[in-house]
Each structure stands twice: as C-alpha cells, then as structure tokens.
PDB file of N, CA and C in Angstrom:
ATOM      1  N   UNK A   1      18.578   3.610   3.007  1.00  0.00           N
ATOM      2  CA  UNK A   1      17.677   4.540   2.288  1.00  0.00           C
ATOM      3  C   UNK A   1      17.267   3.915   0.904  1.00  0.00           C
ATOM      4  N   UNK A   2      18.278   3.350   0.246  1.00  0.00           N
ATOM      5  CA  UNK A   2      17.888   2.653  -0.966  1.00  0.00           C
ATOM      6  C   UNK A   2      16.916   1.602  -0.896  1.00  0.00           C
ATOM      7  N   UNK A   3      16.949   0.862   0.206  1.00  0.00           N
ATOM      8  CA  UNK A   3      16.080  -0.237   0.456  1.00  0.00           C
ATOM      9  C   UNK A   3      14.644   0.244   0.677  1.00  0.00           C
ATOM     10  N   UNK A   4      14.548   1.379   1.348  1.00  0.00           N
ATOM     11  CA  UNK A   4      13.217   2.054   1.443  1.00  0.00           C
ATOM     12  C   UNK A   4      12.622   2.438   0.168  1.00  0.00           C
ATOM     13  N   UNK A   5      13.510   3.036  -0.653  1.00  0.00           N
ATOM     14  CA  UNK A   5      13.081   3.522  -1.943  1.00  0.00           C
ATOM     15  C   UNK A   5      12.605   2.262  -2.762  1.00  0.00           C
ATOM     16  N   UNK A   6      13.387   1.218  -2.784  1.00  0.00           N
ATOM     17  CA  UNK A   6      12.917   0.034  -3.392  1.00  0.00           C
ATOM     18  C   UNK A   6      11.469  -0.429  -2.946  1.00  0.00           C
ATOM     19  N   UNK A   7      11.312  -0.531  -1.655  1.00  0.00           N
ATOM     20  CA  UNK A   7      10.074  -1.045  -1.166  1.00  0.00           C
ATOM     21  C   UNK A   7       8.949   0.036  -1.544  1.00  0.00           C
ATOM     22  N   UNK A   8       9.253   1.249  -1.467  1.00  0.00           N
ATOM     23  CA  UNK A   8       8.172   2.321  -1.856  1.00  0.00           C
ATOM     24  C   UNK A   8       8.016   2.158  -3.342  1.00  0.00           C
ATOM     25  N   UNK A   9       8.852   1.793  -4.254  1.00  0.00           N
ATOM     26  CA  UNK A   9       8.593   1.653  -5.558  1.00  0.00           C
ATOM     27  C   UNK A   9       7.830   0.342  -5.736  1.00  0.00           C
ATOM     28  N   UNK A  10       7.999  -0.701  -5.073  1.00  0.00           N
ATOM     29  CA  UNK A  10       7.357  -1.919  -5.182  1.00  0.00           C
ATOM     30  C   UNK A  10       5.848  -1.829  -4.782  1.00  0.00           C
ATOM     31  N   UNK A  11       5.599  -0.973  -3.604  1.00  0.00           N
ATOM     32  CA  UNK A  11       4.307  -0.780  -3.228  1.00  0.00           C
ATOM     33  C   UNK A  11       3.441   0.123  -4.287  1.00  0.00           C
ATOM     34  N   UNK A  12       4.207   1.009  -4.823  1.00  0.00           N
ATOM     35  CA  UNK A  12       3.498   1.936  -5.980  1.00  0.00           C
ATOM     36  C   UNK A  12       3.147   0.899  -7.138  1.00  0.00           C
ATOM     37  N   UNK A  13       4.133   0.035  -7.512  1.00  0.00           N
ATOM     38  CA  UNK A  13       3.874  -0.906  -8.744  1.00  0.00           C
ATOM     39  C   UNK A  13       2.622  -1.761  -8.407  1.00  0.00           C
ATOM     40  N   UNK A  14       2.698  -2.365  -7.088  1.00  0.00           N
ATOM     41  CA  UNK A  14       1.522  -3.196  -6.741  1.00  0.00           C
ATOM     42  C   UNK A  14       0.197  -2.358  -6.773  1.00  0.00           C
ATOM     43  N   UNK A  15       0.283  -1.162  -6.290  1.00  0.00           N
ATOM     44  CA  UNK A  15      -1.025  -0.365  -6.308  1.00  0.00           C
ATOM     45  C   UNK A  15      -1.402  -0.007  -7.659  1.00  0.00           C
ATOM     46  N   UNK A  16      -0.345   0.248  -8.628  1.00  0.00           N
ATOM     47  CA  UNK A  16      -0.734   0.549  -9.997  1.00  0.00           C
ATOM     48  C   UNK A  16      -1.488  -0.688 -10.616  1.00  0.00           C
ATOM     49  N   UNK A  17      -0.784  -1.965 -10.338  1.00  0.00           N
ATOM     50  CA  UNK A  17      -1.410  -3.120 -10.870  1.00  0.00           C
ATOM     51  C   UNK A  17      -2.872  -3.354 -10.415  1.00  0.00           C
ATOM     52  N   UNK A  18      -3.029  -3.168  -9.139  1.00  0.00           N
ATOM     53  CA  UNK A  18      -4.332  -3.338  -8.592  1.00  0.00           C
ATOM     54  C   UNK A  18      -5.402  -2.398  -9.109  1.00  0.00           C
ATOM     55  N   UNK A  19      -4.915  -1.056  -9.235  1.00  0.00           N
ATOM     56  CA  UNK A  19      -5.818  -0.054  -9.741  1.00  0.00           C
ATOM     57  C   UNK A  19      -6.184  -0.413 -11.230  1.00  0.00           C
ATOM     58  N   UNK A  20      -5.190  -0.812 -12.021  1.00  0.00           N
ATOM     59  CA  UNK A  20      -5.451  -1.103 -13.371  1.00  0.00           C
ATOM     60  C   UNK A  20      -6.451  -2.328 -13.496  1.00  0.00           C
ATOM     61  N   UNK A  21      -6.349  -3.336 -12.654  1.00  0.00           N
ATOM     62  CA  UNK A  21      -7.143  -4.517 -12.626  1.00  0.00           C
ATOM     63  C   UNK A  21      -8.619  -3.917 -12.250  1.00  0.00           C
ATOM     64  N   UNK A  22      -8.727  -3.126 -11.307  1.00  0.00           N
ATOM     65  CA  UNK A  22     -10.002  -2.685 -10.804  1.00  0.00           C
ATOM     66  C   UNK A  22     -10.728  -1.997 -12.036  1.00  0.00           C
ATOM     67  N   UNK A  23      -9.977  -1.015 -12.658  1.00  0.00           N
ATOM     68  CA  UNK A  23     -10.609  -0.181 -13.789  1.00  0.00           C
ATOM     69  C   UNK A  23     -11.002  -1.156 -14.971  1.00  0.00           C
ATOM     70  N   UNK A  24     -10.179  -2.180 -15.087  1.00  0.00           N
ATOM     71  CA  UNK A  24     -10.546  -3.158 -16.210  1.00  0.00           C
ATOM     72  C   UNK A  24     -11.828  -3.844 -15.862  1.00  0.00           C
ATOM     73  N   UNK A  25     -11.899  -4.334 -14.662  1.00  0.00           N
ATOM     74  CA  UNK A  25     -13.109  -5.018 -14.155  1.00  0.00           C
ATOM     75  C   UNK A  25     -14.367  -4.087 -14.232  1.00  0.00           C
ATOM     76  N   UNK A  26     -14.226  -2.885 -13.800  1.00  0.00           N
ATOM     77  CA  UNK A  26     -15.419  -1.975 -13.746  1.00  0.00           C
ATOM     78  C   UNK A  26     -15.875  -1.712 -15.166  1.00  0.00           C
ATOM     79  N   UNK A  27     -14.894  -1.518 -15.998  1.00  0.00           N
ATOM     80  CA  UNK A  27     -15.357  -1.191 -17.460  1.00  0.00           C
ATOM     81  C   UNK A  27     -16.056  -2.534 -18.092  1.00  0.00           C
ATOM     82  N   UNK A  28     -15.667  -3.687 -17.671  1.00  0.00           N
ATOM     83  CA  UNK A  28     -16.317  -4.815 -18.331  1.00  0.00           C
ATOM     84  C   UNK A  28     -17.512  -5.244 -17.368  1.00  0.00           C
ATOM     85  N   UNK A  29     -17.726  -4.638 -16.319  1.00  0.00           N
ATOM     86  CA  UNK A  29     -18.866  -4.902 -15.443  1.00  0.00           C
ATOM     87  C   UNK A  29     -18.832  -6.332 -14.919  1.00  0.00           C
ATOM     88  N   UNK A  30     -17.683  -6.733 -14.416  1.00  0.00           N
ATOM     89  CA  UNK A  30     -17.495  -8.057 -13.967  1.00  0.00           C
ATOM     90  C   UNK A  30     -17.121  -8.019 -12.495  1.00  0.00           C
ATOM     91  N   UNK A  31     -17.867  -7.203 -11.757  1.00  0.00           N
ATOM     92  CA  UNK A  31     -17.458  -7.093 -10.241  1.00  0.00           C
ATOM     93  C   UNK A  31     -18.090  -8.056  -9.387  1.00  0.00           C
ATOM     94  N   UNK A  32     -18.718  -9.094  -9.854  1.00  0.00           N
ATOM     95  CA  UNK A  32     -19.396 -10.009  -9.034  1.00  0.00           C
ATOM     96  C   UNK A  32     -18.564 -10.784  -8.166  1.00  0.00           C
ATOM     97  N   UNK A  33     -17.429 -11.481  -8.729  1.00  0.00           N
ATOM     98  CA  UNK A  33     -16.556 -12.185  -7.946  1.00  0.00           C
ATOM     99  C   UNK A  33     -15.097 -11.606  -8.046  1.00  0.00           C
ATOM    100  N   UNK A  34     -15.086 -10.365  -7.540  1.00  0.00           N
ATOM    101  CA  UNK A  34     -13.805  -9.543  -7.628  1.00  0.00           C
ATOM    102  C   UNK A  34     -12.901  -9.764  -6.422  1.00  0.00           C
ATOM    103  N   UNK A  35     -11.744 -10.143  -6.772  1.00  0.00           N
ATOM    104  CA  UNK A  35     -10.764 -10.321  -5.679  1.00  0.00           C
ATOM    105  C   UNK A  35      -9.440  -9.586  -6.231  1.00  0.00           C
ATOM    106  N   UNK A  36      -9.315  -8.254  -5.824  1.00  0.00           N
ATOM    107  CA  UNK A  36      -8.255  -7.481  -6.349  1.00  0.00           C
ATOM    108  C   UNK A  36      -6.929  -7.913  -6.119  1.00  0.00           C
ATOM    109  N   UNK A  37      -6.524  -8.413  -4.987  1.00  0.00           N
ATOM    110  CA  UNK A  37      -5.100  -8.611  -4.687  1.00  0.00           C
ATOM    111  C   UNK A  37      -4.702  -9.894  -5.365  1.00  0.00           C
ATOM    112  N   UNK A  38      -5.390 -10.881  -5.206  1.00  0.00           N
ATOM    113  CA  UNK A  38      -4.982 -12.259  -5.690  1.00  0.00           C
ATOM    114  C   UNK A  38      -5.291 -12.555  -7.195  1.00  0.00           C
ATOM    115  N   UNK A  39      -6.206 -11.867  -7.741  1.00  0.00           N
ATOM    116  CA  UNK A  39      -6.475 -11.949  -9.167  1.00  0.00           C
ATOM    117  C   UNK A  39      -5.793 -11.087 -10.135  1.00  0.00           C
ATOM    118  N   UNK A  40      -4.857 -10.193  -9.531  1.00  0.00           N
ATOM    119  CA  UNK A  40      -4.170  -9.288 -10.334  1.00  0.00           C
ATOM    120  C   UNK A  40      -3.094  -9.992 -11.085  1.00  0.00           C
ATOM    121  N   UNK A  41      -2.949  -9.691 -12.532  1.00  0.00           N
ATOM    122  CA  UNK A  41      -2.044 -10.342 -13.329  1.00  0.00           C
ATOM    123  C   UNK A  41      -0.673  -9.979 -12.818  1.00  0.00           C
ATOM    124  N   UNK A  42       0.264 -10.949 -12.684  1.00  0.00           N
ATOM    125  CA  UNK A  42       1.614 -10.687 -12.239  1.00  0.00           C
ATOM    126  C   UNK A  42       1.781 -10.591 -10.846  1.00  0.00           C
ATOM    127  N   UNK A  43       0.728 -10.667 -10.127  1.00  0.00           N
ATOM    128  CA  UNK A  43       0.915 -10.302  -8.621  1.00  0.00           C
ATOM    129  C   UNK A  43       1.498 -11.474  -7.859  1.00  0.00           C
ATOM    130  N   UNK A  44       1.462 -12.663  -8.538  1.00  0.00           N
ATOM    131  CA  UNK A  44       2.112 -13.902  -7.951  1.00  0.00           C
ATOM    132  C   UNK A  44       3.610 -13.877  -7.929  1.00  0.00           C
ATOM    133  N   UNK A  45       4.112 -12.908  -8.745  1.00  0.00           N
ATOM    134  CA  UNK A  45       5.707 -12.896  -8.778  1.00  0.00           C
ATOM    135  C   UNK A  45       6.124 -12.071  -7.638  1.00  0.00           C
ATOM    136  N   UNK A  46       7.354 -12.343  -7.312  1.00  0.00           N
ATOM    137  CA  UNK A  46       7.987 -11.637  -6.108  1.00  0.00           C
ATOM    138  C   UNK A  46       7.343 -11.897  -4.791  1.00  0.00           C
ATOM    139  N   UNK A  47       6.948 -13.134  -4.537  1.00  0.00           N
ATOM    140  CA  UNK A  47       6.173 -13.488  -3.379  1.00  0.00           C
ATOM    141  C   UNK A  47       7.083 -13.133  -2.098  1.00  0.00           C
ATOM    142  N   UNK A  48       8.318 -13.303  -2.113  1.00  0.00           N
ATOM    143  CA  UNK A  48       9.124 -12.871  -0.965  1.00  0.00           C
ATOM    144  C   UNK A  48       9.052 -11.505  -0.675  1.00  0.00           C
ATOM    145  N   UNK A  49       9.025 -10.642  -1.679  1.00  0.00           N
ATOM    146  CA  UNK A  49       8.881  -9.100  -1.511  1.00  0.00           C
ATOM    147  C   UNK A  49       7.543  -8.895  -0.891  1.00  0.00           C
ATOM    148  N   UNK A  50       6.475  -9.526  -1.445  1.00  0.00           N
ATOM    149  CA  UNK A  50       5.127  -9.296  -0.851  1.00  0.00           C
ATOM    150  C   UNK A  50       5.161  -9.639   0.628  1.00  0.00           C
ATOM    151  N   UNK A  51       5.734 -10.767   0.924  1.00  0.00           N
ATOM    152  CA  UNK A  51       5.832 -11.184   2.342  1.00  0.00           C
ATOM    153  C   UNK A  51       6.468 -10.219   3.221  1.00  0.00           C
ATOM    154  N   UNK A  52       7.543  -9.745   2.770  1.00  0.00           N
ATOM    155  CA  UNK A  52       8.307  -8.728   3.652  1.00  0.00           C
ATOM    156  C   UNK A  52       7.425  -7.475   3.780  1.00  0.00           C
ATOM    157  N   UNK A  53       6.800  -7.019   2.586  1.00  0.00           N
ATOM    158  CA  UNK A  53       5.927  -5.848   2.675  1.00  0.00           C
ATOM    159  C   UNK A  53       4.706  -6.068   3.749  1.00  0.00           C
ATOM    160  N   UNK A  54       4.178  -7.156   3.586  1.00  0.00           N
ATOM    161  CA  UNK A  54       3.067  -7.526   4.432  1.00  0.00           C
ATOM    162  C   UNK A  54       3.495  -7.522   5.913  1.00  0.00           C
ATOM    163  N   UNK A  55       4.671  -8.054   6.136  1.00  0.00           N
ATOM    164  CA  UNK A  55       5.274  -8.032   7.581  1.00  0.00           C
ATOM    165  C   UNK A  55       5.504  -6.746   8.050  1.00  0.00           C
ATOM    166  N   UNK A  56       6.101  -5.862   7.179  1.00  0.00           N
ATOM    167  CA  UNK A  56       6.282  -4.430   7.475  1.00  0.00           C
ATOM    168  C   UNK A  56       5.034  -3.762   7.940  1.00  0.00           C
ATOM    169  N   UNK A  57       4.041  -3.997   7.000  1.00  0.00           N
ATOM    170  CA  UNK A  57       2.686  -3.350   7.304  1.00  0.00           C
ATOM    171  C   UNK A  57       2.162  -3.760   8.655  1.00  0.00           C
ATOM    172  N   UNK A  58       2.179  -5.030   8.836  1.00  0.00           N
ATOM    173  CA  UNK A  58       1.618  -5.688  10.165  1.00  0.00           C
ATOM    174  C   UNK A  58       2.380  -5.111  11.394  1.00  0.00           C
ATOM    175  N   UNK A  59       3.680  -4.830  11.168  1.00  0.00           N
ATOM    176  CA  UNK A  59       4.454  -4.509  12.306  1.00  0.00           C
ATOM    177  C   UNK A  59       4.298  -3.011  12.691  1.00  0.00           C
ATOM    178  N   UNK A  60       3.590  -2.311  11.928  1.00  0.00           N
ATOM    179  CA  UNK A  60       3.354  -0.769  12.235  1.00  0.00           C
ATOM    180  C   UNK A  60       2.737  -0.613  13.538  1.00  0.00           C
ATOM    181  N   UNK A  61       3.011   0.390  14.300  1.00  0.00           N
ATOM    182  CA  UNK A  61       2.573   0.608  15.630  1.00  0.00           C
ATOM    183  C   UNK A  61       1.029   1.036  15.644  1.00  0.00           C
ATOM    184  N   UNK A  62       0.573   1.622  14.567  1.00  0.00           N
ATOM    185  CA  UNK A  62      -0.762   2.296  14.643  1.00  0.00           C
ATOM    186  C   UNK A  62      -1.549   1.663  13.626  1.00  0.00           C
ATOM    187  N   UNK A  63      -2.828   1.260  14.094  1.00  0.00           N
ATOM    188  CA  UNK A  63      -3.943   0.728  13.135  1.00  0.00           C
ATOM    189  C   UNK A  63      -4.258   1.710  12.023  1.00  0.00           C
ATOM    190  N   UNK A  64      -4.436   3.003  12.400  1.00  0.00           N
ATOM    191  CA  UNK A  64      -4.776   4.009  11.370  1.00  0.00           C
ATOM    192  C   UNK A  64      -3.734   4.229  10.460  1.00  0.00           C
ATOM    193  N   UNK A  65      -2.455   4.224  10.972  1.00  0.00           N
ATOM    194  CA  UNK A  65      -1.316   4.311  10.040  1.00  0.00           C
ATOM    195  C   UNK A  65      -1.221   3.148   9.058  1.00  0.00           C
ATOM    196  N   UNK A  66      -1.488   1.898   9.450  1.00  0.00           N
ATOM    197  CA  UNK A  66      -1.572   0.688   8.668  1.00  0.00           C
ATOM    198  C   UNK A  66      -2.626   0.915   7.489  1.00  0.00           C
ATOM    199  N   UNK A  67      -3.801   1.416   7.887  1.00  0.00           N
ATOM    200  CA  UNK A  67      -4.931   1.674   7.019  1.00  0.00           C
ATOM    201  C   UNK A  67      -4.510   2.658   5.963  1.00  0.00           C
ATOM    202  N   UNK A  68      -3.947   3.805   6.380  1.00  0.00           N
ATOM    203  CA  UNK A  68      -3.485   4.835   5.492  1.00  0.00           C
ATOM    204  C   UNK A  68      -2.467   4.367   4.466  1.00  0.00           C
ATOM    205  N   UNK A  69      -1.504   3.730   4.919  1.00  0.00           N
ATOM    206  CA  UNK A  69      -0.371   3.112   4.026  1.00  0.00           C
ATOM    207  C   UNK A  69      -0.993   2.196   3.046  1.00  0.00           C
ATOM    208  N   UNK A  70      -1.917   1.221   3.655  1.00  0.00           N
ATOM    209  CA  UNK A  70      -2.525   0.247   2.772  1.00  0.00           C
ATOM    210  C   UNK A  70      -3.359   0.872   1.592  1.00  0.00           C
ATOM    211  N   UNK A  71      -4.086   1.985   1.966  1.00  0.00           N
ATOM    212  CA  UNK A  71      -5.042   2.570   0.992  1.00  0.00           C
ATOM    213  C   UNK A  71      -4.284   3.327   0.019  1.00  0.00           C
ATOM    214  N   UNK A  72      -3.134   3.976   0.472  1.00  0.00           N
ATOM    215  CA  UNK A  72      -2.371   4.923  -0.428  1.00  0.00           C
ATOM    216  C   UNK A  72      -1.470   4.003  -1.372  1.00  0.00           C
ATOM    217  N   UNK A  73      -0.846   3.051  -0.797  1.00  0.00           N
ATOM    218  CA  UNK A  73       0.164   2.342  -1.715  1.00  0.00           C
ATOM    219  C   UNK A  73      -0.547   1.007  -2.407  1.00  0.00           C
ATOM    220  N   UNK A  74      -1.214   0.355  -1.466  1.00  0.00           N
ATOM    221  CA  UNK A  74      -1.664  -0.978  -2.048  1.00  0.00           C
ATOM    222  C   UNK A  74      -2.963  -0.725  -2.982  1.00  0.00           C
ATOM    223  N   UNK A  75      -3.901   0.158  -2.468  1.00  0.00           N
ATOM    224  CA  UNK A  75      -5.060   0.325  -3.266  1.00  0.00           C
ATOM    225  C   UNK A  75      -4.968   1.426  -4.207  1.00  0.00           C
ATOM    226  N   UNK A  76      -3.858   2.296  -4.104  1.00  0.00           N
ATOM    227  CA  UNK A  76      -3.608   3.394  -5.065  1.00  0.00           C
ATOM    228  C   UNK A  76      -4.551   4.558  -4.942  1.00  0.00           C
ATOM    229  N   UNK A  77      -5.123   4.775  -3.664  1.00  0.00           N
ATOM    230  CA  UNK A  77      -5.940   5.886  -3.581  1.00  0.00           C
ATOM    231  C   UNK A  77      -5.277   7.183  -3.334  1.00  0.00           C
ATOM    232  N   UNK A  78      -5.788   8.339  -3.596  1.00  0.00           N
ATOM    233  CA  UNK A  78      -5.161   9.605  -3.298  1.00  0.00           C
ATOM    234  C   UNK A  78      -5.403   9.986  -1.908  1.00  0.00           C
ATOM    235  N   UNK A  79      -4.429  10.887  -1.453  1.00  0.00           N
ATOM    236  CA  UNK A  79      -4.450  11.400  -0.054  1.00  0.00           C
ATOM    237  C   UNK A  79      -5.827  11.969   0.222  1.00  0.00           C
ATOM    238  N   UNK A  80      -6.387  12.711  -0.681  1.00  0.00           N
ATOM    239  CA  UNK A  80      -7.729  13.500  -0.407  1.00  0.00           C
ATOM    240  C   UNK A  80      -8.844  12.526  -0.254  1.00  0.00           C
ATOM    241  N   UNK A  81      -8.805  11.323  -1.001  1.00  0.00           N
ATOM    242  CA  UNK A  81      -9.829  10.323  -0.930  1.00  0.00           C
ATOM    243  C   UNK A  81      -9.676   9.578   0.352  1.00  0.00           C
ATOM    244  N   UNK A  82      -8.551   9.261   0.796  1.00  0.00           N
ATOM    245  CA  UNK A  82      -8.361   8.564   1.984  1.00  0.00           C
ATOM    246  C   UNK A  82      -8.734   9.465   3.241  1.00  0.00           C
ATOM    247  N   UNK A  83      -8.400  10.735   3.055  1.00  0.00           N
ATOM    248  CA  UNK A  83      -8.850  11.777   4.126  1.00  0.00           C
ATOM    249  C   UNK A  83     -10.403  11.758   4.306  1.00  0.00           C
ATOM    250  N   UNK A  84     -10.978  11.896   3.063  1.00  0.00           N
ATOM    251  CA  UNK A  84     -12.511  11.861   3.228  1.00  0.00           C
ATOM    252  C   UNK A  84     -13.045  10.694   3.847  1.00  0.00           C
ATOM    253  N   UNK A  85     -12.626   9.632   3.479  1.00  0.00           N
ATOM    254  CA  UNK A  85     -13.078   8.242   3.970  1.00  0.00           C
ATOM    255  C   UNK A  85     -12.859   8.171   5.424  1.00  0.00           C
ATOM    256  N   UNK A  86     -11.632   8.513   5.896  1.00  0.00           N
ATOM    257  CA  UNK A  86     -11.332   8.519   7.291  1.00  0.00           C
ATOM    258  C   UNK A  86     -11.808   9.669   8.220  1.00  0.00           C
ATOM    259  N   UNK A  87     -12.430  10.656   7.565  1.00  0.00           N
ATOM    260  CA  UNK A  87     -12.940  11.831   8.123  1.00  0.00           C
ATOM    261  C   UNK A  87     -11.731  12.654   8.806  1.00  0.00           C
ATOM    262  N   UNK A  88     -10.788  12.931   8.121  1.00  0.00           N
ATOM    263  CA  UNK A  88      -9.637  13.729   8.606  1.00  0.00           C
ATOM    264  C   UNK A  88      -9.117  14.574   7.448  1.00  0.00           C
ATOM    265  N   UNK A  89      -8.236  15.543   7.784  1.00  0.00           N
ATOM    266  CA  UNK A  89      -7.587  16.466   6.651  1.00  0.00           C
ATOM    267  C   UNK A  89      -6.697  15.685   5.848  1.00  0.00           C
ATOM    268  N   UNK A  90      -6.526  16.231   4.690  1.00  0.00           N
ATOM    269  CA  UNK A  90      -5.336  15.694   3.795  1.00  0.00           C
ATOM    270  C   UNK A  90      -4.062  15.758   4.456  1.00  0.00           C
ATOM    271  N   UNK A  91      -3.860  16.980   5.256  1.00  0.00           N
ATOM    272  CA  UNK A  91      -2.608  17.087   5.793  1.00  0.00           C
ATOM    273  C   UNK A  91      -2.474  16.051   6.931  1.00  0.00           C
ATOM    274  N   UNK A  92      -3.355  15.694   7.671  1.00  0.00           N
ATOM    275  CA  UNK A  92      -3.228  14.661   8.656  1.00  0.00           C
ATOM    276  C   UNK A  92      -2.998  13.271   8.039  1.00  0.00           C
ATOM    277  N   UNK A  93      -3.543  12.976   6.895  1.00  0.00           N
ATOM    278  CA  UNK A  93      -3.218  11.791   6.205  1.00  0.00           C
ATOM    279  C   UNK A  93      -1.659  11.727   5.742  1.00  0.00           C
ATOM    280  N   UNK A  94      -1.342  13.000   5.238  1.00  0.00           N
ATOM    281  CA  UNK A  94       0.034  13.115   4.923  1.00  0.00           C
ATOM    282  C   UNK A  94       1.102  12.882   5.985  1.00  0.00           C
ATOM    283  N   UNK A  95       0.756  13.534   7.092  1.00  0.00           N
ATOM    284  CA  UNK A  95       1.584  13.275   8.371  1.00  0.00           C
ATOM    285  C   UNK A  95       1.612  11.928   8.780  1.00  0.00           C
ATOM    286  N   UNK A  96       0.401  11.208   8.745  1.00  0.00           N
ATOM    287  CA  UNK A  96       0.416   9.787   9.034  1.00  0.00           C
ATOM    288  C   UNK A  96       1.247   8.985   8.098  1.00  0.00           C
ATOM    289  N   UNK A  97       1.166   9.192   6.892  1.00  0.00           N
ATOM    290  CA  UNK A  97       1.946   8.569   5.805  1.00  0.00           C
ATOM    291  C   UNK A  97       3.299   8.714   6.075  1.00  0.00           C
ATOM    292  N   UNK A  98       3.810   9.865   6.282  1.00  0.00           N
ATOM    293  CA  UNK A  98       5.245  10.120   6.589  1.00  0.00           C
ATOM    294  C   UNK A  98       5.777   9.473   7.826  1.00  0.00           C
ATOM    295  N   UNK A  99       4.986   9.513   8.876  1.00  0.00           N
ATOM    296  CA  UNK A  99       5.302   8.874  10.080  1.00  0.00           C
ATOM    297  C   UNK A  99       5.448   7.408   9.973  1.00  0.00           C
ATOM    298  N   UNK A 100       4.590   6.762   9.167  1.00  0.00           N
ATOM    299  CA  UNK A 100       4.585   5.310   8.980  1.00  0.00           C
ATOM    300  C   UNK A 100       5.722   4.909   8.048  1.00  0.00           C
ATOM    301  N   UNK A 101       5.927   5.639   7.009  1.00  0.00           N
ATOM    302  CA  UNK A 101       7.105   5.302   6.180  1.00  0.00           C
ATOM    303  C   UNK A 101       8.423   5.572   6.961  1.00  0.00           C
ATOM    304  N   UNK A 102       8.511   6.599   7.881  1.00  0.00           N
ATOM    305  CA  UNK A 102       9.639   6.622   8.656  1.00  0.00           C
ATOM    306  C   UNK A 102       9.955   5.408   9.527  1.00  0.00           C
ATOM    307  N   UNK A 103       8.730   4.989  10.145  1.00  0.00           N
ATOM    308  CA  UNK A 103       8.863   3.693  11.026  1.00  0.00           C
ATOM    309  C   UNK A 103       9.240   2.658  10.164  1.00  0.00           C
ATOM    310  N   UNK A 104       8.790   2.444   9.020  1.00  0.00           N
ATOM    311  CA  UNK A 104       9.075   1.332   8.135  1.00  0.00           C
ATOM    312  C   UNK A 104      10.516   1.405   7.776  1.00  0.00           C
ATOM    313  N   UNK A 105      11.018   2.513   7.520  1.00  0.00           N
ATOM    314  CA  UNK A 105      12.462   2.744   7.195  1.00  0.00           C
ATOM    315  C   UNK A 105      13.320   2.301   8.369  1.00  0.00           C
ATOM    316  N   UNK A 106      12.974   2.727   9.677  1.00  0.00           N
ATOM    317  CA  UNK A 106      13.710   2.369  10.786  1.00  0.00           C
ATOM    318  C   UNK A 106      13.650   0.840  11.041  1.00  0.00           C
ATOM    319  N   UNK A 107      12.617   0.239  10.861  1.00  0.00           N
ATOM    320  CA  UNK A 107      12.501  -1.287  10.932  1.00  0.00           C
ATOM    321  C   UNK A 107      13.437  -1.930   9.920  1.00  0.00           C
ATOM    322  N   UNK A 108      13.420  -1.413   8.700  1.00  0.00           N
ATOM    323  CA  UNK A 108      14.318  -2.012   7.669  1.00  0.00           C
ATOM    324  C   UNK A 108      15.822  -1.888   8.142  1.00  0.00           C
ATOM    325  N   UNK A 109      16.131  -0.623   8.431  1.00  0.00           N
ATOM    326  CA  UNK A 109      17.539  -0.373   8.766  1.00  0.00           C
ATOM    327  C   UNK A 109      17.953  -1.169  10.041  1.00  0.00           C
ATOM    328  N   UNK A 110      17.048  -1.421  10.983  1.00  0.00           N
ATOM    329  CA  UNK A 110      17.230  -2.214  12.092  1.00  0.00           C
ATOM    330  C   UNK A 110      17.532  -3.761  11.864  1.00  0.00           C
ATOM    331  N   UNK A 111      16.803  -4.221  10.855  1.00  0.00           N
ATOM    332  CA  UNK A 111      16.835  -5.543  10.508  1.00  0.00           C
ATOM    333  C   UNK A 111      17.972  -5.869   9.715  1.00  0.00           C
ATOM    334  N   UNK A 112      18.619  -4.824   8.922  1.00  0.00           N
ATOM    335  CA  UNK A 112      19.854  -4.920   8.105  1.00  0.00           C
ATOM    336  C   UNK A 112      21.077  -4.736   8.995  1.00  0.00           C
ATOM    337  N   UNK A 113      20.951  -4.346  10.307  1.00  0.00           N
ATOM    338  CA  UNK A 113      22.180  -4.162  11.042  1.00  0.00           C
ATOM    339  C   UNK A 113      22.401  -5.290  12.007  1.00  0.00           C
TER     340      UNK A 113
END
C-alpha cells in the first residue's frame, strides 16, 4: 500500500511540474516548439521511477484506462475535463481511474512478492 501511495505521489508531482511548465510557456507565448514532458525542469531526475511508472502504465489492460490515468496524473487534467474530452461522465472517469489504480497496485504487489 505504501508503494502505491509513493507512486501516486510521484505521478501527482510529475503532473504538477508539467502543468506548471505548460502555464509558464502559455503566459510567455512560446508554444511553437513545446515538448511538455522532456523539457520540464527537474524531469530528468528519478529516471528509474519514471521508467517503472511508464512500464506500469503500459502494462494496464485497457487503452481507455491508460489514457485516463495519463491525462489525470501526468497531464494534471481534472476528471470533468477528461470526461468531456472522452465523451463520458465524470463518474465513469472516476470508476476507470479507481479500477486502473487498483490494477497498478496489484501489479506492484505481485512484483514485490
């Protein structure tokens, strides 16, 4: 459980960093050559953790689940925004999110045993 909380926190931190970088770029109107993930300050740190997170995301069983987790935690979008973009209810996005987090938790626990 603690490991899942750690990865959840890391996902939120990465999402915040990316969100901050995007806002900074938008305010400066420098969107022409924008690469949010690789250009983000401090993002090159903890490459092992990023690799593990990427492997976890890629190992999820559902493409829509992967997309929801990516948009919520990596891009820092709100559930209602993701729901509107994917043309589903916010409740459905929340259910997918919880299902995918549970699947990630099980994969982490399985790899630790």
